[in-house]
C-alpha atoms as a PDB file:
ATOM      1  CA  MET A   1     -13.255  17.989  14.891  1.00  0.00           C
ATOM      2  CA  ASN A   2     -10.331  15.577  15.151  1.00  0.00           C
ATOM      3  CA  ILE A   3      -8.604  15.486  11.764  1.00  0.00           C
ATOM      4  CA  ILE A   4      -5.718  13.038  11.518  1.00  0.00           C
ATOM      5  CA  GLY A   5      -2.800  14.348   9.497  1.00  0.00           C
ATOM      6  CA  HIS A   6      -2.185  17.628   7.619  1.00  0.00           C
ATOM      7  CA  GLN A   7      -1.492  19.390  10.911  1.00  0.00           C
ATOM      8  CA  LYS A   8       0.976  21.930   9.537  1.00  0.00           C
ATOM      9  CA  ILE A   9      -1.539  23.067   6.898  1.00  0.00           C
ATOM     10  CA  ILE A  10      -4.326  23.265   9.477  1.00  0.00           C
ATOM     11  CA  GLU A  11      -2.210  25.227  11.951  1.00  0.00           C
ATOM     12  CA  SER A  12      -1.055  27.632   9.238  1.00  0.00           C
ATOM     13  CA  PHE A  13      -4.658  28.300   8.197  1.00  0.00           C
ATOM     14  CA  GLU A  14      -5.747  28.810  11.790  1.00  0.00           C
ATOM     15  CA  ARG A  15      -3.037  31.460  12.171  1.00  0.00           C
ATOM     16  CA  THR A  16      -4.440  33.345   9.165  1.00  0.00           C
ATOM     17  CA  ILE A  17      -7.867  33.227  10.837  1.00  0.00           C
ATOM     18  CA  GLU A  18      -6.401  34.724  14.008  1.00  0.00           C
ATOM     19  CA  ARG A  19      -4.714  37.470  11.991  1.00  0.00           C
ATOM     20  CA  ASN A  20      -7.873  38.074   9.962  1.00  0.00           C
ATOM     21  CA  SER A  21      -5.811  37.636   6.793  1.00  0.00           C
ATOM     22  CA  VAL A  22      -7.532  34.717   5.076  1.00  0.00           C
ATOM     23  CA  ALA A  23      -7.192  34.753   1.275  1.00  0.00           C
ATOM     24  CA  HIS A  24     -10.422  34.808  -0.726  1.00  0.00           C
ATOM     25  CA  ALA A  25      -9.380  32.008  -3.103  1.00  0.00           C
ATOM     26  CA  HIS A  26      -7.814  28.668  -2.186  1.00  0.00           C
ATOM     27  CA  LEU A  27      -6.626  25.618  -4.102  1.00  0.00           C
ATOM     28  CA  ILE A  28      -6.509  22.331  -2.147  1.00  0.00           C
ATOM     29  CA  VAL A  29      -4.554  19.654  -3.997  1.00  0.00           C
ATOM     30  CA  GLY A  30      -4.123  15.956  -3.278  1.00  0.00           C
ATOM     31  CA  ASP A  31      -5.018  12.397  -4.288  1.00  0.00           C
ATOM     32  CA  ASN A  32      -8.606  11.214  -4.199  1.00  0.00           C
ATOM     33  CA  GLY A  33      -9.386  10.095  -0.663  1.00  0.00           C
ATOM     34  CA  ILE A  34      -6.571  12.033   0.990  1.00  0.00           C
ATOM     35  CA  GLY A  35      -8.937  14.404   2.806  1.00  0.00           C
ATOM     36  CA  LYS A  36      -9.428  17.451   0.557  1.00  0.00           C
ATOM     37  CA  SER A  37     -13.140  17.731   1.285  1.00  0.00           C
ATOM     38  CA  VAL A  38     -12.662  17.274   5.041  1.00  0.00           C
ATOM     39  CA  ILE A  39     -10.018  20.020   5.097  1.00  0.00           C
ATOM     40  CA  ALA A  40     -12.191  22.301   2.958  1.00  0.00           C
ATOM     41  CA  GLN A  41     -15.193  21.812   5.249  1.00  0.00           C
ATOM     42  CA  LYS A  42     -13.075  22.546   8.328  1.00  0.00           C
ATOM     43  CA  PHE A  43     -11.637  25.691   6.753  1.00  0.00           C
ATOM     44  CA  ALA A  44     -15.133  26.790   5.734  1.00  0.00           C
ATOM     45  CA  CYS A  45     -16.426  26.367   9.293  1.00  0.00           C
ATOM     46  CA  ASP A  46     -13.396  28.223  10.648  1.00  0.00           C
ATOM     47  CA  ILE A  47     -14.084  31.136   8.297  1.00  0.00           C
ATOM     48  CA  LEU A  48     -17.763  31.239   9.275  1.00  0.00           C
ATOM     49  CA  ASN A  49     -16.844  30.739  12.948  1.00  0.00           C
ATOM     50  CA  ILE A  50     -19.276  27.876  13.400  1.00  0.00           C
ATOM     51  CA  ASP A  51     -18.974  24.361  14.818  1.00  0.00           C
ATOM     52  CA  TYR A  52     -17.912  21.768  12.265  1.00  0.00           C
ATOM     53  CA  LYS A  53     -20.815  20.513  10.159  1.00  0.00           C
ATOM     54  CA  GLU A  54     -21.007  19.292   6.580  1.00  0.00           C
ATOM     55  CA  ASN A  55     -24.284  21.030   5.819  1.00  0.00           C
ATOM     56  CA  HIS A  56     -24.685  24.741   6.405  1.00  0.00           C
ATOM     57  CA  VAL A  57     -26.675  27.126   4.255  1.00  0.00           C
ATOM     58  CA  ASP A  58     -23.663  29.411   3.780  1.00  0.00           C
ATOM     59  CA  ILE A  59     -21.338  26.587   2.766  1.00  0.00           C
ATOM     60  CA  VAL A  60     -22.104  25.736  -0.860  1.00  0.00           C
ATOM     61  CA  ASN A  61     -20.688  22.423  -2.110  1.00  0.00           C
ATOM     62  CA  TYR A  62     -20.608  22.464  -5.886  1.00  0.00           C
ATOM     63  CA  LYS A  63     -20.102  18.993  -7.387  1.00  0.00           C
ATOM     64  CA  LEU A  64     -20.386  18.036 -11.028  1.00  0.00           C
ATOM     65  CA  ASN A  65     -20.865  14.420 -12.103  1.00  0.00           C
ATOM     66  CA  LYS A  66     -19.376  14.872 -15.552  1.00  0.00           C
ATOM     67  CA  ASN A  67     -15.971  14.210 -17.072  1.00  0.00           C
ATOM     68  CA  SER A  68     -15.321  17.871 -17.845  1.00  0.00           C
ATOM     69  CA  PHE A  69     -16.260  21.217 -16.353  1.00  0.00           C
ATOM     70  CA  GLY A  70     -16.870  23.763 -19.104  1.00  0.00           C
ATOM     71  CA  VAL A  71     -17.702  27.433 -19.437  1.00  0.00           C
ATOM     72  CA  ASP A  72     -21.457  26.916 -18.938  1.00  0.00           C
ATOM     73  CA  ASP A  73     -20.814  25.025 -15.699  1.00  0.00           C
ATOM     74  CA  VAL A  74     -18.448  27.747 -14.495  1.00  0.00           C
ATOM     75  CA  ARG A  75     -21.072  30.408 -15.173  1.00  0.00           C
ATOM     76  CA  LYS A  76     -23.447  28.593 -12.804  1.00  0.00           C
ATOM     77  CA  VAL A  77     -20.723  28.604 -10.147  1.00  0.00           C
ATOM     78  CA  ILE A  78     -20.136  32.326 -10.681  1.00  0.00           C
ATOM     79  CA  GLU A  79     -23.865  32.927 -10.345  1.00  0.00           C
ATOM     80  CA  GLU A  80     -23.819  31.116  -7.003  1.00  0.00           C
ATOM     81  CA  ILE A  81     -20.725  33.026  -5.875  1.00  0.00           C
ATOM     82  CA  ASN A  82     -22.461  36.333  -6.553  1.00  0.00           C
ATOM     83  CA  LYS A  83     -25.448  35.482  -4.360  1.00  0.00           C
ATOM     84  CA  LYS A  84     -25.433  37.035  -0.898  1.00  0.00           C
ATOM     85  CA  PRO A  85     -24.949  34.862   2.207  1.00  0.00           C
ATOM     86  CA  TYR A  86     -28.197  33.577   3.707  1.00  0.00           C
ATOM     87  CA  GLU A  87     -27.628  33.562   7.456  1.00  0.00           C
ATOM     88  CA  LEU A  88     -24.216  35.050   8.108  1.00  0.00           C
ATOM     89  CA  ASN A  89     -22.148  37.875   6.685  1.00  0.00           C
ATOM     90  CA  LYS A  90     -19.778  35.434   5.000  1.00  0.00           C
ATOM     91  CA  LYS A  91     -20.130  32.577   2.545  1.00  0.00           C
ATOM     92  CA  VAL A  92     -17.899  29.739   1.328  1.00  0.00           C
ATOM     93  CA  VAL A  93     -18.163  28.066  -2.081  1.00  0.00           C
ATOM     94  CA  ILE A  94     -16.376  24.726  -2.451  1.00  0.00           C
ATOM     95  CA  LEU A  95     -15.802  23.565  -6.006  1.00  0.00           C
ATOM     96  CA  TYR A  96     -15.026  19.848  -6.350  1.00  0.00           C
ATOM     97  CA  GLY A  97     -13.193  18.231  -9.270  1.00  0.00           C
ATOM     98  CA  GLY A  98     -11.004  21.195 -10.133  1.00  0.00           C
ATOM     99  CA  GLU A  99      -8.863  18.970 -12.372  1.00  0.00           C
ATOM    100  CA  LYS A 100     -11.905  18.619 -14.653  1.00  0.00           C
ATOM    101  CA  ILE A 101     -12.276  22.341 -15.339  1.00  0.00           C
ATOM    102  CA  THR A 102     -11.387  23.029 -18.965  1.00  0.00           C
ATOM    103  CA  MET A 103      -8.914  25.760 -19.897  1.00  0.00           C
ATOM    104  CA  GLN A 104     -11.800  27.863 -21.179  1.00  0.00           C
ATOM    105  CA  GLY A 105     -13.675  27.255 -17.935  1.00  0.00           C
ATOM    106  CA  GLN A 106     -10.675  28.290 -15.855  1.00  0.00           C
ATOM    107  CA  ASN A 107     -10.298  31.480 -17.884  1.00  0.00           C
ATOM    108  CA  ALA A 108     -13.979  32.229 -17.307  1.00  0.00           C
ATOM    109  CA  LEU A 109     -13.497  31.730 -13.561  1.00  0.00           C
ATOM    110  CA  LEU A 110     -10.339  33.801 -13.375  1.00  0.00           C
ATOM    111  CA  LYS A 111     -11.879  37.250 -12.877  1.00  0.00           C
ATOM    112  CA  THR A 112     -14.190  36.008 -10.109  1.00  0.00           C
ATOM    113  CA  ILE A 113     -11.287  34.352  -8.291  1.00  0.00           C
ATOM    114  CA  GLU A 114      -9.278  37.534  -8.595  1.00  0.00           C
ATOM    115  CA  SER A 115     -12.058  39.764  -7.201  1.00  0.00           C
ATOM    116  CA  PRO A 116     -14.852  37.779  -5.529  1.00  0.00           C
ATOM    117  CA  PRO A 117     -17.729  39.596  -3.815  1.00  0.00           C
ATOM    118  CA  LYS A 118     -16.994  40.818  -0.313  1.00  0.00           C
ATOM    119  CA  GLY A 119     -17.297  38.082   2.296  1.00  0.00           C
ATOM    120  CA  VAL A 120     -17.183  35.236  -0.249  1.00  0.00           C
ATOM    121  CA  TYR A 121     -14.403  32.630  -0.071  1.00  0.00           C
ATOM    122  CA  ILE A 122     -13.719  30.130  -2.849  1.00  0.00           C
ATOM    123  CA  PHE A 123     -12.098  26.717  -2.442  1.00  0.00           C
ATOM    124  CA  ILE A 124     -11.165  24.635  -5.489  1.00  0.00           C
ATOM    125  CA  LEU A 125     -10.365  20.965  -4.814  1.00  0.00           C
ATOM    126  CA  SER A 126      -8.153  19.233  -7.373  1.00  0.00           C
ATOM    127  CA  THR A 127      -6.209  16.008  -7.688  1.00  0.00           C
ATOM    128  CA  SER A 128      -3.620  17.735  -9.860  1.00  0.00           C
ATOM    129  CA  LEU A 129      -1.813  21.049  -9.601  1.00  0.00           C
ATOM    130  CA  ASP A 130      -0.537  20.703 -13.165  1.00  0.00           C
ATOM    131  CA  SER A 131      -4.092  20.743 -14.523  1.00  0.00           C
ATOM    132  CA  MET A 132      -4.637  24.285 -13.242  1.00  0.00           C
ATOM    133  CA  LEU A 133      -3.631  27.384 -15.199  1.00  0.00           C
ATOM    134  CA  ASP A 134      -0.723  29.383 -13.805  1.00  0.00           C
ATOM    135  CA  THR A 135      -3.016  32.416 -13.680  1.00  0.00           C
ATOM    136  CA  ILE A 136      -5.400  30.493 -11.400  1.00  0.00           C
ATOM    137  CA  LYS A 137      -2.606  29.197  -9.186  1.00  0.00           C
ATOM    138  CA  SER A 138      -1.071  32.649  -8.796  1.00  0.00           C
ATOM    139  CA  ARG A 139      -4.359  34.011  -7.452  1.00  0.00           C
ATOM    140  CA  CYS A 140      -5.012  31.198  -4.971  1.00  0.00           C
ATOM    141  CA  GLN A 141      -3.446  30.183  -1.713  1.00  0.00           C
ATOM    142  CA  ILE A 142      -2.309  26.627  -2.408  1.00  0.00           C
ATOM    143  CA  HIS A 143      -2.651  23.858   0.190  1.00  0.00           C
ATOM    144  CA  LYS A 144      -0.940  20.674  -1.015  1.00  0.00           C
ATOM    145  CA  LEU A 145      -1.945  17.627   1.025  1.00  0.00           C
ATOM    146  CA  SER A 146       0.740  14.976   1.473  1.00  0.00           C
ATOM    147  CA  PRO A 147       0.145  11.283   2.279  1.00  0.00           C
ATOM    148  CA  LEU A 148      -0.263  10.482   5.956  1.00  0.00           C
ATOM    149  CA  SER A 149       2.560   8.804   7.844  1.00  0.00           C
ATOM    150  CA  LYS A 150       2.306   5.144   8.877  1.00  0.00           C
ATOM    151  CA  GLY A 151       1.602   6.249  12.441  1.00  0.00           C
ATOM    152  CA  GLU A 152      -1.190   8.556  11.316  1.00  0.00           C
ATOM    153  CA  MET A 153      -2.686   5.842   9.102  1.00  0.00           C
ATOM    154  CA  LEU A 154      -2.627   3.410  12.025  1.00  0.00           C
ATOM    155  CA  GLU A 155      -4.388   5.981  14.203  1.00  0.00           C
ATOM    156  CA  PHE A 156      -6.978   6.589  11.460  1.00  0.00           C
ATOM    157  CA  ILE A 157      -7.698   2.882  10.920  1.00  0.00           C
ATOM    158  CA  LYS A 158      -8.056   2.147  14.636  1.00  0.00           C
ATOM    159  CA  ARG A 159     -10.377   5.132  15.058  1.00  0.00           C
ATOM    160  CA  ASP A 160     -12.668   4.569  12.073  1.00  0.00           C
ATOM    161  CA  PHE A 161     -12.420   0.801  11.518  1.00  0.00           C
ATOM    162  CA  LYS A 162     -12.470  -0.711  14.977  1.00  0.00           C
ATOM    163  CA  ASP A 163     -13.338  -4.218  13.739  1.00  0.00           C
ATOM    164  CA  VAL A 164     -10.210  -4.589  11.610  1.00  0.00           C
ATOM    165  CA  GLN A 165      -8.017  -7.440  12.796  1.00  0.00           C
ATOM    166  CA  ASP A 166      -4.410  -6.678  13.706  1.00  0.00           C
ATOM    167  CA  SER A 167      -3.249  -9.131  11.034  1.00  0.00           C
ATOM    168  CA  MET A 168      -4.762  -6.841   8.377  1.00  0.00           C
ATOM    169  CA  LEU A 169      -3.177  -3.594   9.595  1.00  0.00           C
ATOM    170  CA  ASN A 170       0.091  -3.907   7.676  1.00  0.00           C
ATOM    171  CA  SER A 171      -1.733  -4.709   4.433  1.00  0.00           C
ATOM    172  CA  LEU A 172      -4.105  -1.768   4.846  1.00  0.00           C
ATOM    173  CA  ILE A 173      -1.301   0.670   5.622  1.00  0.00           C
ATOM    174  CA  SER A 174       0.725  -0.582   2.670  1.00  0.00           C
ATOM    175  CA  PHE A 175      -2.063  -0.424   0.099  1.00  0.00           C
ATOM    176  CA  SER A 176      -3.423   2.901   1.293  1.00  0.00           C
ATOM    177  CA  ALA A 177      -0.025   4.543   0.634  1.00  0.00           C
ATOM    178  CA  GLY A 178      -0.961   7.261   3.123  1.00  0.00           C
ATOM    179  CA  VAL A 179      -4.390   7.944   1.571  1.00  0.00           C
ATOM    180  CA  PRO A 180      -7.170   7.324   4.142  1.00  0.00           C
ATOM    181  CA  GLY A 181      -9.948   6.992   1.567  1.00  0.00           C
ATOM    182  CA  ARG A 182      -8.325   3.895   0.120  1.00  0.00           C
ATOM    183  CA  VAL A 183      -8.797   1.980   3.381  1.00  0.00           C
ATOM    184  CA  SER A 184     -12.581   1.799   3.087  1.00  0.00           C
ATOM    185  CA  SER A 185     -12.261   0.871  -0.591  1.00  0.00           C
ATOM    186  CA  PHE A 186      -9.871  -1.928   0.294  1.00  0.00           C
ATOM    187  CA  LEU A 187     -12.186  -3.274   2.991  1.00  0.00           C
ATOM    188  CA  GLU A 188     -15.469  -2.894   1.110  1.00  0.00           C
ATOM    189  CA  ASP A 189     -14.439  -3.793  -2.446  1.00  0.00           C
ATOM    190  CA  VAL A 190     -13.556  -7.441  -3.049  1.00  0.00           C
ATOM    191  CA  SER A 191     -11.737  -6.440  -6.233  1.00  0.00           C
ATOM    192  CA  PHE A 192      -8.792  -5.186  -4.188  1.00  0.00           C
ATOM    193  CA  ASP A 193      -8.139  -8.679  -2.882  1.00  0.00           C
ATOM    194  CA  ASN A 194      -8.663 -10.057  -6.381  1.00  0.00           C
ATOM    195  CA  ILE A 195      -6.071  -7.618  -7.749  1.00  0.00           C
ATOM    196  CA  ARG A 196      -3.469  -9.068  -5.393  1.00  0.00           C
ATOM    197  CA  ASP A 197      -4.327 -12.590  -6.563  1.00  0.00           C
ATOM    198  CA  VAL A 198      -3.976 -11.579 -10.202  1.00  0.00           C
ATOM    199  CA  VAL A 199      -0.689  -9.770  -9.571  1.00  0.00           C
ATOM    200  CA  ILE A 200       0.684 -12.964  -7.998  1.00  0.00           C
ATOM    201  CA  ASP A 201      -0.537 -14.878 -11.073  1.00  0.00           C
ATOM    202  CA  ILE A 202       1.227 -12.402 -13.365  1.00  0.00           C
ATOM    203  CA  LEU A 203       4.473 -12.731 -11.405  1.00  0.00           C
ATOM    204  CA  ASP A 204       4.153 -16.504 -11.548  1.00  0.00           C
ATOM    205  CA  VAL A 205       3.700 -16.428 -15.336  1.00  0.00           C
ATOM    206  CA  ILE A 206       6.592 -13.973 -15.698  1.00  0.00           C
ATOM    207  CA  SER A 207       8.834 -16.314 -13.700  1.00  0.00           C
ATOM    208  CA  GLN A 208       7.908 -19.004 -16.257  1.00  0.00           C
ATOM    209  CA  ARG A 209       8.575 -16.526 -19.107  1.00  0.00           C
ATOM    210  CA  ASP A 210       5.201 -17.296 -20.695  1.00  0.00           C
ATOM    211  CA  GLU A 211       4.614 -14.144 -22.749  1.00  0.00           C
ATOM    212  CA  PHE A 212       1.314 -15.301 -24.270  1.00  0.00           C
ATOM    213  CA  LYS A 213      -0.336 -15.915 -20.898  1.00  0.00           C
ATOM    214  CA  ALA A 214       1.067 -12.756 -19.291  1.00  0.00           C
ATOM    215  CA  ILE A 215      -0.027 -10.398 -22.076  1.00  0.00           C
ATOM    216  CA  ASN A 216      -3.500 -11.906 -22.301  1.00  0.00           C
ATOM    217  CA  MET A 217      -4.121 -11.381 -18.598  1.00  0.00           C
ATOM    218  CA  ILE A 218      -4.583  -7.653 -19.322  1.00  0.00           C
ATOM    219  CA  THR A 219      -7.410  -6.899 -21.776  1.00  0.00           C
ATOM    220  CA  LEU A 220      -9.822  -4.183 -22.863  1.00  0.00           C
ATOM    221  CA  ASN A 221     -13.493  -4.764 -22.071  1.00  0.00           C
ATOM    222  CA  SER A 222     -16.457  -3.622 -24.145  1.00  0.00           C
ATOM    223  CA  LYS A 223     -16.504  -0.250 -22.356  1.00  0.00           C
ATOM    224  CA  ARG A 224     -12.842   0.314 -23.268  1.00  0.00           C
ATOM    225  CA  ASN A 225     -11.823  -0.107 -19.639  1.00  0.00           C
ATOM    226  CA  ILE A 226      -8.878  -2.275 -18.647  1.00  0.00           C
ATOM    227  CA  GLU A 227      -9.520  -5.662 -17.103  1.00  0.00           C
ATOM    228  CA  ILE A 228      -7.028  -7.970 -15.465  1.00  0.00           C
ATOM    229  CA  SER A 229      -7.743 -11.643 -14.978  1.00  0.00           C
ATOM    230  CA  ASN A 230      -6.056 -14.723 -13.625  1.00  0.00           C
ATOM    231  CA  ILE A 231      -4.897 -17.614 -15.758  1.00  0.00           C
ATOM    232  CA  SER A 232      -8.179 -19.526 -15.503  1.00  0.00           C
ATOM    233  CA  ASN A 233     -10.228 -16.319 -15.966  1.00  0.00           C
ATOM    234  CA  GLU A 234     -12.164 -17.125 -12.793  1.00  0.00           C
ATOM    235  CA  ILE A 235     -11.105 -13.730 -11.426  1.00  0.00           C
ATOM    236  CA  ARG A 236     -11.665 -10.691 -13.643  1.00  0.00           C
ATOM    237  CA  VAL A 237     -11.355  -7.130 -12.342  1.00  0.00           C
ATOM    238  CA  ASP A 238     -11.938  -3.769 -14.009  1.00  0.00           C
ATOM    239  CA  ILE A 239      -9.023  -1.648 -12.761  1.00  0.00           C
ATOM    240  CA  LYS A 240     -10.311   1.734 -13.912  1.00  0.00           C
ATOM    241  CA  GLY A 241      -9.605   4.065 -10.997  1.00  0.00           C
ATOM    242  CA  LYS A 242      -7.513   1.347  -9.321  1.00  0.00           C
ATOM    243  CA  GLU A 243      -4.339   1.697 -11.408  1.00  0.00           C
ATOM    244  CA  ASP A 244      -2.330   2.868  -8.391  1.00  0.00           C
ATOM    245  CA  VAL A 245      -3.515  -0.107  -6.343  1.00  0.00           C
ATOM    246  CA  PHE A 246      -2.583  -2.456  -9.191  1.00  0.00           C
ATOM    247  CA  LEU A 247       0.959  -1.086  -9.291  1.00  0.00           C
ATOM    248  CA  GLU A 248       1.228  -0.833  -5.504  1.00  0.00           C
ATOM    249  CA  SER A 249       0.272  -4.521  -5.301  1.00  0.00           C
ATOM    250  CA  PHE A 250       3.311  -5.412  -7.394  1.00  0.00           C
ATOM    251  CA  VAL A 251       5.618  -3.405  -5.142  1.00  0.00           C
ATOM    252  CA  SER A 252       4.074  -4.751  -1.931  1.00  0.00           C
ATOM    253  CA  ILE A 253       4.196  -8.382  -3.032  1.00  0.00           C
ATOM    254  CA  ILE A 254       7.746  -8.162  -4.383  1.00  0.00           C
ATOM    255  CA  ARG A 255       8.827  -6.464  -1.171  1.00  0.00           C
ATOM    256  CA  ASP A 256       7.354  -9.405   0.766  1.00  0.00           C
ATOM    257  CA  ILE A 257       9.142 -11.920  -1.440  1.00  0.00           C
ATOM    258  CA  ILE A 258      12.477 -10.162  -0.924  1.00  0.00           C
ATOM    259  CA  VAL A 259      11.957 -10.005   2.839  1.00  0.00           C
ATOM    260  CA  TYR A 260      11.030 -13.686   2.957  1.00  0.00           C
ATOM    261  CA  LYS A 261      14.056 -14.681   0.882  1.00  0.00           C
ATOM    262  CA  GLU A 262      16.357 -12.694   3.142  1.00  0.00           C
ATOM    263  CA  VAL A 263      15.110 -13.517   6.641  1.00  0.00           C
ATOM    264  CA  SER A 264      12.269 -16.073   6.291  1.00  0.00           C
ATOM    265  CA  ASN A 265      10.353 -14.186   8.973  1.00  0.00           C
ATOM    266  CA  LYS A 266       6.623 -14.391   8.307  1.00  0.00           C
ATOM    267  CA  GLU A 267       5.897 -11.709  10.916  1.00  0.00           C
ATOM    268  CA  LEU A 268       7.439  -9.112   8.577  1.00  0.00           C
ATOM    269  CA  ILE A 269       5.233 -10.084   5.628  1.00  0.00           C
ATOM    270  CA  ILE A 270       2.553  -7.554   4.683  1.00  0.00           C
ATOM    271  CA  ASN A 271       0.494  -9.911   2.513  1.00  0.00           C
ATOM    272  CA  ILE A 272       0.593 -12.692   5.103  1.00  0.00           C
ATOM    273  CA  ASP A 273      -2.687 -14.163   3.821  1.00  0.00           C
ATOM    274  CA  LYS A 274      -0.882 -14.992   0.535  1.00  0.00           C
ATOM    275  CA  ILE A 275       2.179 -16.535   2.198  1.00  0.00           C
ATOM    276  CA  ASN A 276       1.931 -19.954   0.507  1.00  0.00           C
ATOM    277  CA  ARG A 277       2.085 -18.436  -2.954  1.00  0.00           C
ATOM    278  CA  LEU A 278       4.784 -15.967  -1.917  1.00  0.00           C
ATOM    279  CA  GLU A 279       6.965 -18.866  -0.766  1.00  0.00           C
ATOM    280  CA  ASP A 280       6.732 -20.407  -4.247  1.00  0.00           C
ATOM    281  CA  LEU A 281       7.633 -17.108  -5.929  1.00  0.00           C
ATOM    282  CA  ALA A 282      10.594 -16.674  -3.587  1.00  0.00           C
ATOM    283  CA  VAL A 283      12.052 -19.808  -5.191  1.00  0.00           C
ATOM    284  CA  SER A 284      11.359 -18.857  -8.819  1.00  0.00           C
ATOM    285  CA  LEU A 285      12.185 -15.112  -8.836  1.00  0.00           C
ATOM    286  CA  SER A 286      15.739 -13.834  -8.451  1.00  0.00           C
ATOM    287  CA  TYR A 287      16.734 -10.625  -6.676  1.00  0.00           C
ATOM    288  CA  LYS A 288      17.909  -9.192 -10.001  1.00  0.00           C
ATOM    289  CA  LYS A 289      14.547  -9.915 -11.633  1.00  0.00           C
ATOM    290  CA  MET A 290      12.540  -8.418  -8.775  1.00  0.00           C
ATOM    291  CA  ASN A 291      14.620  -5.247  -8.647  1.00  0.00           C
ATOM    292  CA  LYS A 292      14.136  -4.875 -12.383  1.00  0.00           C
ATOM    293  CA  ILE A 293      10.351  -5.261 -11.979  1.00  0.00           C
ATOM    294  CA  ILE A 294      10.294  -2.512  -9.325  1.00  0.00           C
ATOM    295  CA  ASP A 295      12.185  -0.202 -11.720  1.00  0.00           C
ATOM    296  CA  ILE A 296       9.632  -0.993 -14.434  1.00  0.00           C
ATOM    297  CA  ILE A 297       6.787  -0.201 -12.025  1.00  0.00           C
ATOM    298  CA  ASP A 298       8.316   3.224 -11.285  1.00  0.00           C
ATOM    299  CA  GLU A 299       8.646   3.872 -15.021  1.00  0.00           C
ATOM    300  CA  THR A 300       5.028   2.802 -15.577  1.00  0.00           C
ATOM    301  CA  ARG A 301       3.772   5.259 -12.934  1.00  0.00           C
ATOM    302  CA  MET A 302       5.406   8.115 -14.826  1.00  0.00           C
ATOM    303  CA  ASN A 303       4.142   6.855 -18.187  1.00  0.00           C
ATOM    304  CA  LEU A 304       0.551   6.714 -16.912  1.00  0.00           C
ATOM    305  CA  VAL A 305       0.698  10.444 -16.160  1.00  0.00           C
ATOM    306  CA  SER A 306       1.698  11.373 -19.714  1.00  0.00           C
ATOM    307  CA  ASN A 307       0.094   8.556 -21.723  1.00  0.00           C
ATOM    308  CA  THR A 308      -3.696   8.445 -22.084  1.00  0.00           C
ATOM    309  CA  ASN A 309      -3.593   4.873 -23.437  1.00  0.00           C
ATOM    310  CA  SER A 310      -3.434   2.944 -20.160  1.00  0.00           C
ATOM    311  CA  TRP A 311      -3.927  -0.430 -21.824  1.00  0.00           C
ATOM    312  CA  LEU A 312      -0.864   0.105 -24.035  1.00  0.00           C
ATOM    313  CA  THR A 313       1.118   1.332 -21.023  1.00  0.00           C
ATOM    314  CA  PHE A 314       0.335  -1.797 -18.997  1.00  0.00           C
ATOM    315  CA  ASN A 315       1.048  -4.089 -21.941  1.00  0.00           C
ATOM    316  CA  THR A 316       4.424  -2.422 -22.387  1.00  0.00           C
ATOM    317  CA  MET A 317       5.036  -2.900 -18.675  1.00  0.00           C
ATOM    318  CA  ILE A 318       4.355  -6.650 -18.853  1.00  0.00           C
ATOM    319  CA  ARG A 319       6.534  -7.091 -21.956  1.00  0.00           C
ATOM    320  CA  LYS A 320       9.434  -5.371 -20.229  1.00  0.00           C
ATOM    321  CA  MET A 321       8.967  -7.568 -17.156  1.00  0.00           C
ATOM    322  CA  LEU A 322       9.259 -10.618 -19.397  1.00  0.00           C
ATOM    323  CA  GLU A 323      12.625  -9.517 -20.785  1.00  0.00           C
ATOM    324  CA  ASP A 324      15.802 -10.987 -19.358  1.00  0.00           C
END
């Protein structure tokens, strides 16, 4: 199988296969869409010494469609781990959503991770290393997946999305931020284009220093999710799960405005389809203001990690952008 990116991790694992020294417990960490499941499936096939395939009786994919993964759920996983392989003399259990496992659940899983049955290999996939107990991490081989390079993203897009026009490549690479899974979301979900339109609206309102309009463009809907809308409310997008794209849109658009102000070269613009509006913002936003907004975006990213109230975090962000 041709996997784009993560080559050092893949080569390191293949060397452990050759030495017959594969650990029995693994923790694969990375953003959603970065390739954790693809890597886990490849490693599982390598362990079983079979051709790559997503469905094999001795590869057990354990997914839970709930917000948390408690002790009762872990007990079911342990029960599966303790079952003998069906066809081969080895078995791989892949546990998705590791960041959702509660502390109690992790403690319940600890003994099994420490001493799994012979021939059983456990892979935990998680978006966050910090969400895992130190006792779990110390008993697992950790594989931390980094974002793909621009060259790797270009190779991925041209391989899997052959119909994408060249004019869209820069936008896709920018918004994906090295995460392949975001490309399909960008192409298939109209809300990603709407987010860019709303971000431009917000920047326009900020340049006019209209606090009332800017603050009211970010609201809570009836499900307590965050919505962003344009001034006329014709565009309204729920940004739950798209917070990174929302913030990345600010950075990407401001970067384009700065480039346009400096060299006026449209070929260097990522969001070329929004060029008319970017030209207007290039007149109304100063370099000082745009650099300040980028600093606020960086601060907001950190605040989102520690603050569970995303709506308050984004409102604070907008208020700071409105300050002189």
